Amino acid sequence: MTRLASCAPAWPIETLTLTCGPHTYTALAAGPQGGECVLLLHGWPEFADCWCEILTALAAAGYRAIAVDQRGYSQRARPMDIASYTATHLESDALAFADQIGAAQFHLIAHDWGGLVAWGLASRHPHRLRSLSVLATPHPLALQLAMRDDEQHQRLNYVRNFRLPGGVAEQRLLADGAAALRAAYLGRVPPSLVDENVRRLGEPGALSATLNWYRALPDDLCYPAGRVAVPTLYIWGTEDRALGREAAQLTGDFVDGPYRLEILEGASHWLPEESPDRIVPMLLDHLASSSLA
């Protein structure tokens, strides 16, 4: 696993708290206060610290980068009802994060579940985004088309299992020292980060809250999103076990603005943790092309 070399000047990663409505979110930030804002949204089962190396690289390039432990992941933003995890709430949170830090417009980088939120937000609130970068997650409409093929349909069986009621998924994931939860990372995420993720998801109610993102999906598993007009970068790894090539290649059909697809040979689903050295140059190039003059 290749890691990024240290950058100069070195920006320390700060811890922040953001209060949005009745909830308080923990966040990590780096970079100059006057830099263009970059908001980073993690996936499941990850937290804001999956972005640490990318935060540092963005900060070194002059951006103000903020990664948030999202709804269900932050201890003080953990409603237990499934209805609190619909697309409307998740996207409203992201906009509220930007509002809290005074960013009328911002660059959005997202992975996995964060990517679904990003596609929806970009299609419904394009005026708020300077650019969109999504790792792993295809546009939801592209994924729906790909699901007509049995292979992609089978790849998402884990989502159907996560939606089972009565704590079945939680019990399976946490049994035997969280063996199944640990296995989800496929050995592609640093063990220390896996240990910390497992510890935090073992907090009372945490795993159920994060699985409620899946349970709040419609029965067809299609996250609501429309066409996207903002400049978009989509990065997909050929070894992604959940999201196949067809959905990746179809994603551009739903982007009307400038669009760039990058396929990383040999990379898995866990792109922020596994491949920051390959991803950062692409992100910086995309952000620079979409930034204010």
C-alpha atoms as a PDB file:
ATOM      1  CA  MET A   1       0.000   0.000   0.000  1.00  0.00           C
ATOM      2  CA  THR A   2       1.639   3.241  -1.148  1.00  0.00           C
ATOM      3  CA  ARG A   3       1.276   6.309   1.045  1.00  0.00           C
ATOM      4  CA  LEU A   4       1.696   9.952   0.124  1.00  0.00           C
ATOM      5  CA  ALA A   5       4.983  11.608   0.921  1.00  0.00           C
ATOM      6  CA  SER A   6       4.805  14.488   3.397  1.00  0.00           C
ATOM      7  CA  CYS A   7       4.109  17.894   1.869  1.00  0.00           C
ATOM      8  CA  ALA A   8       5.583  21.298   2.692  1.00  0.00           C
ATOM      9  CA  PRO A   9       4.309  23.397   4.240  1.00  0.00           C
ATOM     10  CA  ALA A  10       2.828  20.769   6.584  1.00  0.00           C
ATOM     11  CA  TRP A  11      -0.683  21.692   7.658  1.00  0.00           C
ATOM     12  CA  PRO A  12      -1.823  20.084  10.912  1.00  0.00           C
ATOM     13  CA  ILE A  13      -5.191  18.390  10.921  1.00  0.00           C
ATOM     14  CA  GLU A  14      -7.583  20.208  13.240  1.00  0.00           C
ATOM     15  CA  THR A  15     -10.663  18.865  15.008  1.00  0.00           C
ATOM     16  CA  LEU A  16     -13.898  20.828  14.678  1.00  0.00           C
ATOM     17  CA  THR A  17     -17.473  20.581  15.844  1.00  0.00           C
ATOM     18  CA  LEU A  18     -20.331  21.702  13.603  1.00  0.00           C
ATOM     19  CA  THR A  19     -23.818  22.300  14.977  1.00  0.00           C
ATOM     20  CA  CYS A  20     -26.590  21.802  12.443  1.00  0.00           C
ATOM     21  CA  GLY A  21     -30.125  21.923  13.787  1.00  0.00           C
ATOM     22  CA  PRO A  22     -30.448  19.593  16.790  1.00  0.00           C
ATOM     23  CA  HIS A  23     -27.268  17.673  15.964  1.00  0.00           C
ATOM     24  CA  THR A  24     -23.576  18.259  16.605  1.00  0.00           C
ATOM     25  CA  TYR A  25     -21.025  16.736  14.234  1.00  0.00           C
ATOM     26  CA  THR A  26     -17.331  16.050  14.700  1.00  0.00           C
ATOM     27  CA  ALA A  27     -15.052  16.975  11.816  1.00  0.00           C
ATOM     28  CA  LEU A  28     -11.438  17.182  10.686  1.00  0.00           C
ATOM     29  CA  ALA A  29     -10.037  20.166   8.824  1.00  0.00           C
ATOM     30  CA  ALA A  30      -6.779  21.364   7.321  1.00  0.00           C
ATOM     31  CA  GLY A  31      -5.578  24.280   5.253  1.00  0.00           C
ATOM     32  CA  PRO A  32      -5.714  28.069   5.285  1.00  0.00           C
ATOM     33  CA  GLN A  33      -8.910  29.732   6.457  1.00  0.00           C
ATOM     34  CA  GLY A  34      -9.030  31.801   3.272  1.00  0.00           C
ATOM     35  CA  GLY A  35      -8.649  28.841   0.926  1.00  0.00           C
ATOM     36  CA  GLU A  36     -11.466  27.617  -1.300  1.00  0.00           C
ATOM     37  CA  CYS A  37     -13.621  25.187   0.658  1.00  0.00           C
ATOM     38  CA  VAL A  38     -13.489  21.469  -0.113  1.00  0.00           C
ATOM     39  CA  LEU A  39     -16.052  19.317   1.697  1.00  0.00           C
ATOM     40  CA  LEU A  40     -15.328  15.581   1.921  1.00  0.00           C
ATOM     41  CA  LEU A  41     -18.036  12.972   2.621  1.00  0.00           C
ATOM     42  CA  HIS A  42     -17.077   9.454   3.708  1.00  0.00           C
ATOM     43  CA  GLY A  43     -18.869   6.173   3.112  1.00  0.00           C
ATOM     44  CA  TRP A  44     -19.715   3.044   5.113  1.00  0.00           C
ATOM     45  CA  PRO A  45     -18.072   1.804   7.290  1.00  0.00           C
ATOM     46  CA  GLU A  46     -15.741   4.798   7.411  1.00  0.00           C
ATOM     47  CA  PHE A  47     -15.336   8.035   9.317  1.00  0.00           C
ATOM     48  CA  ALA A  48     -13.800  11.401   8.466  1.00  0.00           C
ATOM     49  CA  ASP A  49     -10.303  10.085   9.185  1.00  0.00           C
ATOM     50  CA  CYS A  50     -10.385   7.993   6.001  1.00  0.00           C
ATOM     51  CA  TRP A  51      -9.532  11.306   4.290  1.00  0.00           C
ATOM     52  CA  CYS A  52      -6.497  12.268   6.423  1.00  0.00           C
ATOM     53  CA  GLU A  53      -3.858  11.966   3.718  1.00  0.00           C
ATOM     54  CA  ILE A  54      -6.059  13.682   1.150  1.00  0.00           C
ATOM     55  CA  LEU A  55      -6.907  16.467   3.619  1.00  0.00           C
ATOM     56  CA  THR A  56      -3.209  17.147   4.092  1.00  0.00           C
ATOM     57  CA  ALA A  57      -2.550  17.203   0.345  1.00  0.00           C
ATOM     58  CA  LEU A  58      -5.467  19.564  -0.305  1.00  0.00           C
ATOM     59  CA  ALA A  59      -4.270  21.856   2.477  1.00  0.00           C
ATOM     60  CA  ALA A  60      -0.768  21.947   1.016  1.00  0.00           C
ATOM     61  CA  ALA A  61      -2.309  23.069  -2.286  1.00  0.00           C
ATOM     62  CA  GLY A  62      -4.022  25.992  -0.543  1.00  0.00           C
ATOM     63  CA  TYR A  63      -7.535  24.622  -0.051  1.00  0.00           C
ATOM     64  CA  ARG A  64      -9.513  24.664   3.182  1.00  0.00           C
ATOM     65  CA  ALA A  65     -10.543  20.997   3.412  1.00  0.00           C
ATOM     66  CA  ILE A  66     -13.159  19.704   5.864  1.00  0.00           C
ATOM     67  CA  ALA A  67     -14.199  16.067   6.374  1.00  0.00           C
ATOM     68  CA  VAL A  68     -17.174  15.405   8.642  1.00  0.00           C
ATOM     69  CA  ASP A  69     -18.300  12.356  10.622  1.00  0.00           C
ATOM     70  CA  GLN A  70     -21.759  12.298   9.139  1.00  0.00           C
ATOM     71  CA  ARG A  71     -25.217  11.587  10.538  1.00  0.00           C
ATOM     72  CA  GLY A  72     -25.163   8.368  12.563  1.00  0.00           C
ATOM     73  CA  TYR A  73     -21.373   8.428  12.812  1.00  0.00           C
ATOM     74  CA  SER A  74     -21.004  11.425  15.144  1.00  0.00           C
ATOM     75  CA  GLN A  75     -22.084  10.521  18.670  1.00  0.00           C
ATOM     76  CA  ARG A  76     -24.261  13.619  19.029  1.00  0.00           C
ATOM     77  CA  ALA A  77     -25.864  13.242  15.602  1.00  0.00           C
ATOM     78  CA  ARG A  78     -27.293   9.756  15.925  1.00  0.00           C
ATOM     79  CA  PRO A  79     -31.094   9.636  15.605  1.00  0.00           C
ATOM     80  CA  MET A  80     -32.315   6.052  15.759  1.00  0.00           C
ATOM     81  CA  ASP A  81     -35.375   6.198  13.495  1.00  0.00           C
ATOM     82  CA  ILE A  82     -34.887   5.090   9.891  1.00  0.00           C
ATOM     83  CA  ALA A  83     -36.780   8.096   8.505  1.00  0.00           C
ATOM     84  CA  SER A  84     -33.984  10.380   9.731  1.00  0.00           C
ATOM     85  CA  TYR A  85     -31.623   8.913   7.113  1.00  0.00           C
ATOM     86  CA  THR A  86     -33.451   9.693   3.889  1.00  0.00           C
ATOM     87  CA  ALA A  87     -31.764  11.574   1.062  1.00  0.00           C
ATOM     88  CA  THR A  88     -33.357  14.871   2.097  1.00  0.00           C
ATOM     89  CA  HIS A  89     -31.744  14.746   5.541  1.00  0.00           C
ATOM     90  CA  LEU A  90     -28.343  13.577   4.293  1.00  0.00           C
ATOM     91  CA  GLU A  91     -28.108  16.290   1.649  1.00  0.00           C
ATOM     92  CA  SER A  92     -29.410  18.964   4.023  1.00  0.00           C
ATOM     93  CA  ASP A  93     -26.623  17.988   6.411  1.00  0.00           C
ATOM     94  CA  ALA A  94     -23.972  18.496   3.728  1.00  0.00           C
ATOM     95  CA  LEU A  95     -25.327  21.938   2.861  1.00  0.00           C
ATOM     96  CA  ALA A  96     -25.498  22.807   6.548  1.00  0.00           C
ATOM     97  CA  PHE A  97     -21.839  21.811   6.990  1.00  0.00           C
ATOM     98  CA  ALA A  98     -20.881  24.272   4.261  1.00  0.00           C
ATOM     99  CA  ASP A  99     -23.104  26.955   5.774  1.00  0.00           C
ATOM    100  CA  GLN A 100     -21.469  26.462   9.166  1.00  0.00           C
ATOM    101  CA  ILE A 101     -18.047  27.197   7.740  1.00  0.00           C
ATOM    102  CA  GLY A 102     -19.283  30.117   5.651  1.00  0.00           C
ATOM    103  CA  ALA A 103     -18.935  28.495   2.218  1.00  0.00           C
ATOM    104  CA  ALA A 104     -21.602  29.761  -0.161  1.00  0.00           C
ATOM    105  CA  GLN A 105     -19.939  27.582  -2.808  1.00  0.00           C
ATOM    106  CA  PHE A 106     -17.614  24.642  -2.327  1.00  0.00           C
ATOM    107  CA  HIS A 107     -15.894  21.727  -4.001  1.00  0.00           C
ATOM    108  CA  LEU A 108     -17.386  18.356  -3.040  1.00  0.00           C
ATOM    109  CA  ILE A 109     -15.372  15.120  -2.836  1.00  0.00           C
ATOM    110  CA  ALA A 110     -17.151  11.948  -1.778  1.00  0.00           C
ATOM    111  CA  HIS A 111     -16.742   8.179  -1.498  1.00  0.00           C
ATOM    112  CA  ASP A 112     -19.156   5.231  -1.318  1.00  0.00           C
ATOM    113  CA  TRP A 113     -22.355   6.336   0.489  1.00  0.00           C
ATOM    114  CA  GLY A 114     -21.017   9.869   0.535  1.00  0.00           C
ATOM    115  CA  GLY A 115     -20.927   9.562  -3.242  1.00  0.00           C
ATOM    116  CA  LEU A 116     -24.645   8.858  -3.435  1.00  0.00           C
ATOM    117  CA  VAL A 117     -25.318  11.937  -1.325  1.00  0.00           C
ATOM    118  CA  ALA A 118     -22.990  13.916  -3.588  1.00  0.00           C
ATOM    119  CA  TRP A 119     -24.747  12.866  -6.801  1.00  0.00           C
ATOM    120  CA  GLY A 120     -28.115  13.838  -5.339  1.00  0.00           C
ATOM    121  CA  LEU A 121     -26.850  17.148  -3.985  1.00  0.00           C
ATOM    122  CA  ALA A 122     -25.155  18.046  -7.264  1.00  0.00           C
ATOM    123  CA  SER A 123     -28.332  17.374  -9.222  1.00  0.00           C
ATOM    124  CA  ARG A 124     -30.575  19.364  -6.864  1.00  0.00           C
ATOM    125  CA  HIS A 125     -28.268  22.169  -5.700  1.00  0.00           C
ATOM    126  CA  PRO A 126     -25.792  22.794  -8.540  1.00  0.00           C
ATOM    127  CA  HIS A 127     -25.464  26.478  -7.631  1.00  0.00           C
ATOM    128  CA  ARG A 128     -23.691  25.490  -4.405  1.00  0.00           C
ATOM    129  CA  LEU A 129     -20.931  23.440  -6.046  1.00  0.00           C
ATOM    130  CA  ARG A 130     -17.800  24.534  -7.851  1.00  0.00           C
ATOM    131  CA  SER A 131     -16.936  20.946  -8.673  1.00  0.00           C
ATOM    132  CA  LEU A 132     -17.889  17.357  -7.898  1.00  0.00           C
ATOM    133  CA  SER A 133     -15.477  14.447  -7.424  1.00  0.00           C
ATOM    134  CA  VAL A 134     -16.863  10.989  -6.650  1.00  0.00           C
ATOM    135  CA  LEU A 135     -14.809   7.936  -5.762  1.00  0.00           C
ATOM    136  CA  ALA A 136     -16.166   4.423  -6.483  1.00  0.00           C
ATOM    137  CA  THR A 137     -19.899   5.231  -6.508  1.00  0.00           C
ATOM    138  CA  PRO A 138     -21.498   5.532  -9.967  1.00  0.00           C
ATOM    139  CA  HIS A 139     -24.402   7.831 -10.656  1.00  0.00           C
ATOM    140  CA  PRO A 140     -27.492   6.169  -9.107  1.00  0.00           C
ATOM    141  CA  LEU A 141     -29.315   6.037 -12.459  1.00  0.00           C
ATOM    142  CA  ALA A 142     -26.304   4.349 -14.056  1.00  0.00           C
ATOM    143  CA  LEU A 143     -26.318   1.822 -11.228  1.00  0.00           C
ATOM    144  CA  GLN A 144     -30.011   1.143 -11.788  1.00  0.00           C
ATOM    145  CA  LEU A 145     -29.361   0.405 -15.457  1.00  0.00           C
ATOM    146  CA  ALA A 146     -26.445  -1.863 -14.579  1.00  0.00           C
ATOM    147  CA  MET A 147     -28.602  -3.742 -12.058  1.00  0.00           C
ATOM    148  CA  ARG A 148     -30.626  -5.152 -14.933  1.00  0.00           C
ATOM    149  CA  ASP A 149     -27.620  -7.427 -15.352  1.00  0.00           C
ATOM    150  CA  ASP A 150     -27.574 -10.276 -12.849  1.00  0.00           C
ATOM    151  CA  GLU A 151     -23.921  -9.718 -11.967  1.00  0.00           C
ATOM    152  CA  GLN A 152     -24.426  -6.179 -10.653  1.00  0.00           C
ATOM    153  CA  HIS A 153     -27.676  -7.245  -8.994  1.00  0.00           C
ATOM    154  CA  GLN A 154     -25.791  -9.957  -7.104  1.00  0.00           C
ATOM    155  CA  ARG A 155     -22.986  -7.581  -6.166  1.00  0.00           C
ATOM    156  CA  LEU A 156     -25.507  -5.600  -4.106  1.00  0.00           C
ATOM    157  CA  ASN A 157     -26.809  -8.524  -2.068  1.00  0.00           C
ATOM    158  CA  TYR A 158     -24.909  -7.149   0.910  1.00  0.00           C
ATOM    159  CA  VAL A 159     -27.161  -4.070   0.786  1.00  0.00           C
ATOM    160  CA  ARG A 160     -30.235  -6.278   0.957  1.00  0.00           C
ATOM    161  CA  ASN A 161     -28.753  -8.068   3.960  1.00  0.00           C
ATOM    162  CA  PHE A 162     -28.032  -4.776   5.704  1.00  0.00           C
ATOM    163  CA  ARG A 163     -31.698  -3.805   5.335  1.00  0.00           C
ATOM    164  CA  LEU A 164     -32.946  -6.824   7.286  1.00  0.00           C
ATOM    165  CA  PRO A 165     -34.922  -5.769  10.384  1.00  0.00           C
ATOM    166  CA  GLY A 166     -34.582  -6.913  13.965  1.00  0.00           C
ATOM    167  CA  GLY A 167     -30.850  -6.376  14.392  1.00  0.00           C
ATOM    168  CA  VAL A 168     -29.925  -9.315  12.158  1.00  0.00           C
ATOM    169  CA  ALA A 169     -27.277  -7.398  10.212  1.00  0.00           C
ATOM    170  CA  GLU A 170     -25.823  -5.882  13.375  1.00  0.00           C
ATOM    171  CA  GLN A 171     -25.452  -9.288  15.022  1.00  0.00           C
ATOM    172  CA  ARG A 172     -23.782 -10.786  11.964  1.00  0.00           C
ATOM    173  CA  LEU A 173     -21.349  -7.909  11.551  1.00  0.00           C
ATOM    174  CA  LEU A 174     -20.288  -7.750  15.206  1.00  0.00           C
ATOM    175  CA  ALA A 175     -20.107 -11.494  15.954  1.00  0.00           C
ATOM    176  CA  ASP A 176     -16.738 -13.117  16.685  1.00  0.00           C
ATOM    177  CA  GLY A 177     -14.924  -9.865  17.375  1.00  0.00           C
ATOM    178  CA  ALA A 178     -16.607  -8.099  14.434  1.00  0.00           C
ATOM    179  CA  ALA A 179     -15.045 -10.573  12.006  1.00  0.00           C
ATOM    180  CA  ALA A 180     -17.540  -9.845   9.211  1.00  0.00           C
ATOM    181  CA  LEU A 181     -17.218  -6.093   9.660  1.00  0.00           C
ATOM    182  CA  ARG A 182     -13.433  -6.342   9.533  1.00  0.00           C
ATOM    183  CA  ALA A 183     -13.625  -8.529   6.432  1.00  0.00           C
ATOM    184  CA  ALA A 184     -15.520  -5.802   4.582  1.00  0.00           C
ATOM    185  CA  TYR A 185     -12.277  -3.835   4.202  1.00  0.00           C
ATOM    186  CA  LEU A 186     -10.695  -6.705   2.219  1.00  0.00           C
ATOM    187  CA  GLY A 187      -7.285  -6.050   3.731  1.00  0.00           C
ATOM    188  CA  ARG A 188      -7.056  -2.804   1.733  1.00  0.00           C
ATOM    189  CA  VAL A 189      -7.384  -0.414   4.688  1.00  0.00           C
ATOM    190  CA  PRO A 190      -4.603   0.044   7.288  1.00  0.00           C
ATOM    191  CA  PRO A 191      -5.237  -2.263  10.288  1.00  0.00           C
ATOM    192  CA  SER A 192      -5.027   0.618  12.770  1.00  0.00           C
ATOM    193  CA  LEU A 193      -7.807   2.447  10.917  1.00  0.00           C
ATOM    194  CA  VAL A 194      -9.919  -0.719  10.764  1.00  0.00           C
ATOM    195  CA  ASP A 195      -9.507  -1.179  14.520  1.00  0.00           C
ATOM    196  CA  GLU A 196     -10.608   2.391  15.170  1.00  0.00           C
ATOM    197  CA  ASN A 197     -13.608   2.084  12.841  1.00  0.00           C
ATOM    198  CA  VAL A 198     -14.695  -1.133  14.550  1.00  0.00           C
ATOM    199  CA  ARG A 199     -14.300   0.449  17.990  1.00  0.00           C
ATOM    200  CA  ARG A 200     -16.460   3.419  17.057  1.00  0.00           C
ATOM    201  CA  LEU A 201     -19.098   1.326  15.299  1.00  0.00           C
ATOM    202  CA  GLY A 202     -19.265  -0.817  18.442  1.00  0.00           C
ATOM    203  CA  GLU A 203     -20.568   2.154  20.448  1.00  0.00           C
ATOM    204  CA  PRO A 204     -24.210   1.750  21.561  1.00  0.00           C
ATOM    205  CA  GLY A 205     -26.499   2.408  18.618  1.00  0.00           C
ATOM    206  CA  ALA A 206     -23.722   3.370  16.216  1.00  0.00           C
ATOM    207  CA  LEU A 207     -23.862   0.427  13.831  1.00  0.00           C
ATOM    208  CA  SER A 208     -27.658   0.516  13.635  1.00  0.00           C
ATOM    209  CA  ALA A 209     -27.580   4.233  12.902  1.00  0.00           C
ATOM    210  CA  THR A 210     -25.100   3.794  10.051  1.00  0.00           C
ATOM    211  CA  LEU A 211     -27.025   0.845   8.609  1.00  0.00           C
ATOM    212  CA  ASN A 212     -30.139   3.009   8.613  1.00  0.00           C
ATOM    213  CA  TRP A 213     -28.642   4.797   5.600  1.00  0.00           C
ATOM    214  CA  TYR A 214     -29.311   1.553   3.701  1.00  0.00           C
ATOM    215  CA  ARG A 215     -32.685   0.926   5.333  1.00  0.00           C
ATOM    216  CA  ALA A 216     -33.949   4.357   4.317  1.00  0.00           C
ATOM    217  CA  LEU A 217     -33.400   3.590   0.636  1.00  0.00           C
ATOM    218  CA  PRO A 218     -36.432   2.844  -1.542  1.00  0.00           C
ATOM    219  CA  ASP A 219     -37.088  -0.854  -2.142  1.00  0.00           C
ATOM    220  CA  ASP A 220     -35.461  -0.633  -5.582  1.00  0.00           C
ATOM    221  CA  LEU A 221     -32.268   0.598  -3.838  1.00  0.00           C
ATOM    222  CA  CYS A 222     -32.183   3.660  -6.093  1.00  0.00           C
ATOM    223  CA  TYR A 223     -30.961   6.788  -4.349  1.00  0.00           C
ATOM    224  CA  PRO A 224     -32.871   9.751  -5.844  1.00  0.00           C
ATOM    225  CA  ALA A 225     -30.674  11.820  -8.140  1.00  0.00           C
ATOM    226  CA  GLY A 226     -31.090  13.598 -11.446  1.00  0.00           C
ATOM    227  CA  ARG A 227     -28.779  14.849 -14.156  1.00  0.00           C
ATOM    228  CA  VAL A 228     -25.625  16.688 -13.101  1.00  0.00           C
ATOM    229  CA  ALA A 229     -24.365  19.877 -14.739  1.00  0.00           C
ATOM    230  CA  VAL A 230     -21.398  20.774 -12.505  1.00  0.00           C
ATOM    231  CA  PRO A 231     -17.820  19.832 -13.536  1.00  0.00           C
ATOM    232  CA  THR A 232     -17.436  16.206 -12.472  1.00  0.00           C
ATOM    233  CA  LEU A 233     -14.586  13.782 -11.889  1.00  0.00           C
ATOM    234  CA  TYR A 234     -15.459  10.126 -11.317  1.00  0.00           C
ATOM    235  CA  ILE A 235     -12.806   7.619 -10.188  1.00  0.00           C
ATOM    236  CA  TRP A 236     -13.431   3.870 -10.160  1.00  0.00           C
ATOM    237  CA  GLY A 237     -11.163   0.933  -9.308  1.00  0.00           C
ATOM    238  CA  THR A 238     -11.201  -2.239 -11.388  1.00  0.00           C
ATOM    239  CA  GLU A 239     -11.139  -4.445  -8.273  1.00  0.00           C
ATOM    240  CA  ASP A 240     -14.278  -2.926  -6.749  1.00  0.00           C
ATOM    241  CA  ARG A 241     -16.363  -5.909  -5.634  1.00  0.00           C
ATOM    242  CA  ALA A 242     -19.564  -3.956  -5.024  1.00  0.00           C
ATOM    243  CA  LEU A 243     -19.746  -1.666  -8.044  1.00  0.00           C
ATOM    244  CA  GLY A 244     -18.953  -3.035 -11.467  1.00  0.00           C
ATOM    245  CA  ARG A 245     -17.557  -1.675 -14.705  1.00  0.00           C
ATOM    246  CA  GLU A 246     -20.869  -1.242 -16.527  1.00  0.00           C
ATOM    247  CA  ALA A 247     -22.225   1.248 -13.991  1.00  0.00           C
ATOM    248  CA  ALA A 248     -18.924   3.104 -14.035  1.00  0.00           C
ATOM    249  CA  GLN A 249     -18.958   3.423 -17.808  1.00  0.00           C
ATOM    250  CA  LEU A 250     -22.628   4.491 -17.893  1.00  0.00           C
ATOM    251  CA  THR A 251     -22.158   7.272 -15.349  1.00  0.00           C
ATOM    252  CA  GLY A 252     -21.069   9.845 -17.926  1.00  0.00           C
ATOM    253  CA  ASP A 253     -24.449   9.496 -19.644  1.00  0.00           C
ATOM    254  CA  PHE A 254     -25.995  11.373 -16.713  1.00  0.00           C
ATOM    255  CA  VAL A 255     -23.512  14.258 -16.532  1.00  0.00           C
ATOM    256  CA  ASP A 256     -24.167  17.262 -18.761  1.00  0.00           C
ATOM    257  CA  GLY A 257     -21.264  19.383 -17.546  1.00  0.00           C
ATOM    258  CA  PRO A 258     -17.537  18.797 -18.114  1.00  0.00           C
ATOM    259  CA  TYR A 259     -16.857  15.170 -17.219  1.00  0.00           C
ATOM    260  CA  ARG A 260     -13.784  13.035 -16.632  1.00  0.00           C
ATOM    261  CA  LEU A 261     -13.704   9.297 -15.887  1.00  0.00           C
ATOM    262  CA  GLU A 262     -10.555   7.794 -14.376  1.00  0.00           C
ATOM    263  CA  ILE A 263     -10.243   4.004 -14.095  1.00  0.00           C
ATOM    264  CA  LEU A 264      -7.613   2.796 -11.627  1.00  0.00           C
ATOM    265  CA  GLU A 265      -6.311  -0.620 -12.591  1.00  0.00           C
ATOM    266  CA  GLY A 266      -5.904  -2.925  -9.607  1.00  0.00           C
ATOM    267  CA  ALA A 267      -7.548  -0.549  -7.138  1.00  0.00           C
ATOM    268  CA  SER A 268     -10.387  -1.711  -4.923  1.00  0.00           C
ATOM    269  CA  HIS A 269     -13.451   0.013  -3.505  1.00  0.00           C
ATOM    270  CA  TRP A 270     -11.420   1.584  -0.671  1.00  0.00           C
ATOM    271  CA  LEU A 271      -9.879   4.369  -2.729  1.00  0.00           C
ATOM    272  CA  PRO A 272      -9.335   7.126  -0.092  1.00  0.00           C
ATOM    273  CA  GLU A 273      -7.352   4.813   2.183  1.00  0.00           C
ATOM    274  CA  GLU A 274      -5.706   2.592  -0.419  1.00  0.00           C
ATOM    275  CA  SER A 275      -4.730   4.916  -3.265  1.00  0.00           C
ATOM    276  CA  PRO A 276      -4.287   8.529  -2.125  1.00  0.00           C
ATOM    277  CA  ASP A 277      -1.037   8.823  -4.070  1.00  0.00           C
ATOM    278  CA  ARG A 278      -2.858   8.015  -7.312  1.00  0.00           C
ATOM    279  CA  ILE A 279      -5.990  10.014  -6.542  1.00  0.00           C
ATOM    280  CA  VAL A 280      -4.579  13.301  -5.236  1.00  0.00           C
ATOM    281  CA  PRO A 281      -3.065  14.494  -8.562  1.00  0.00           C
ATOM    282  CA  MET A 282      -6.405  13.856 -10.287  1.00  0.00           C
ATOM    283  CA  LEU A 283      -8.314  15.710  -7.577  1.00  0.00           C
ATOM    284  CA  LEU A 284      -5.974  18.684  -7.601  1.00  0.00           C
ATOM    285  CA  ASP A 285      -6.130  18.968 -11.381  1.00  0.00           C
ATOM    286  CA  HIS A 286      -9.919  18.813 -11.320  1.00  0.00           C
ATOM    287  CA  LEU A 287     -10.250  21.336  -8.512  1.00  0.00           C
ATOM    288  CA  ALA A 288      -7.843  23.736 -10.200  1.00  0.00           C
ATOM    289  CA  SER A 289      -9.791  23.593 -13.445  1.00  0.00           C
ATOM    290  CA  SER A 290     -13.018  24.404 -11.560  1.00  0.00           C
ATOM    291  CA  SER A 291     -11.702  27.030  -9.128  1.00  0.00           C
ATOM    292  CA  LEU A 292     -12.244  30.763  -9.198  1.00  0.00           C
ATOM    293  CA  ALA A 293      -9.660  32.648 -11.204  1.00  0.00           C
END
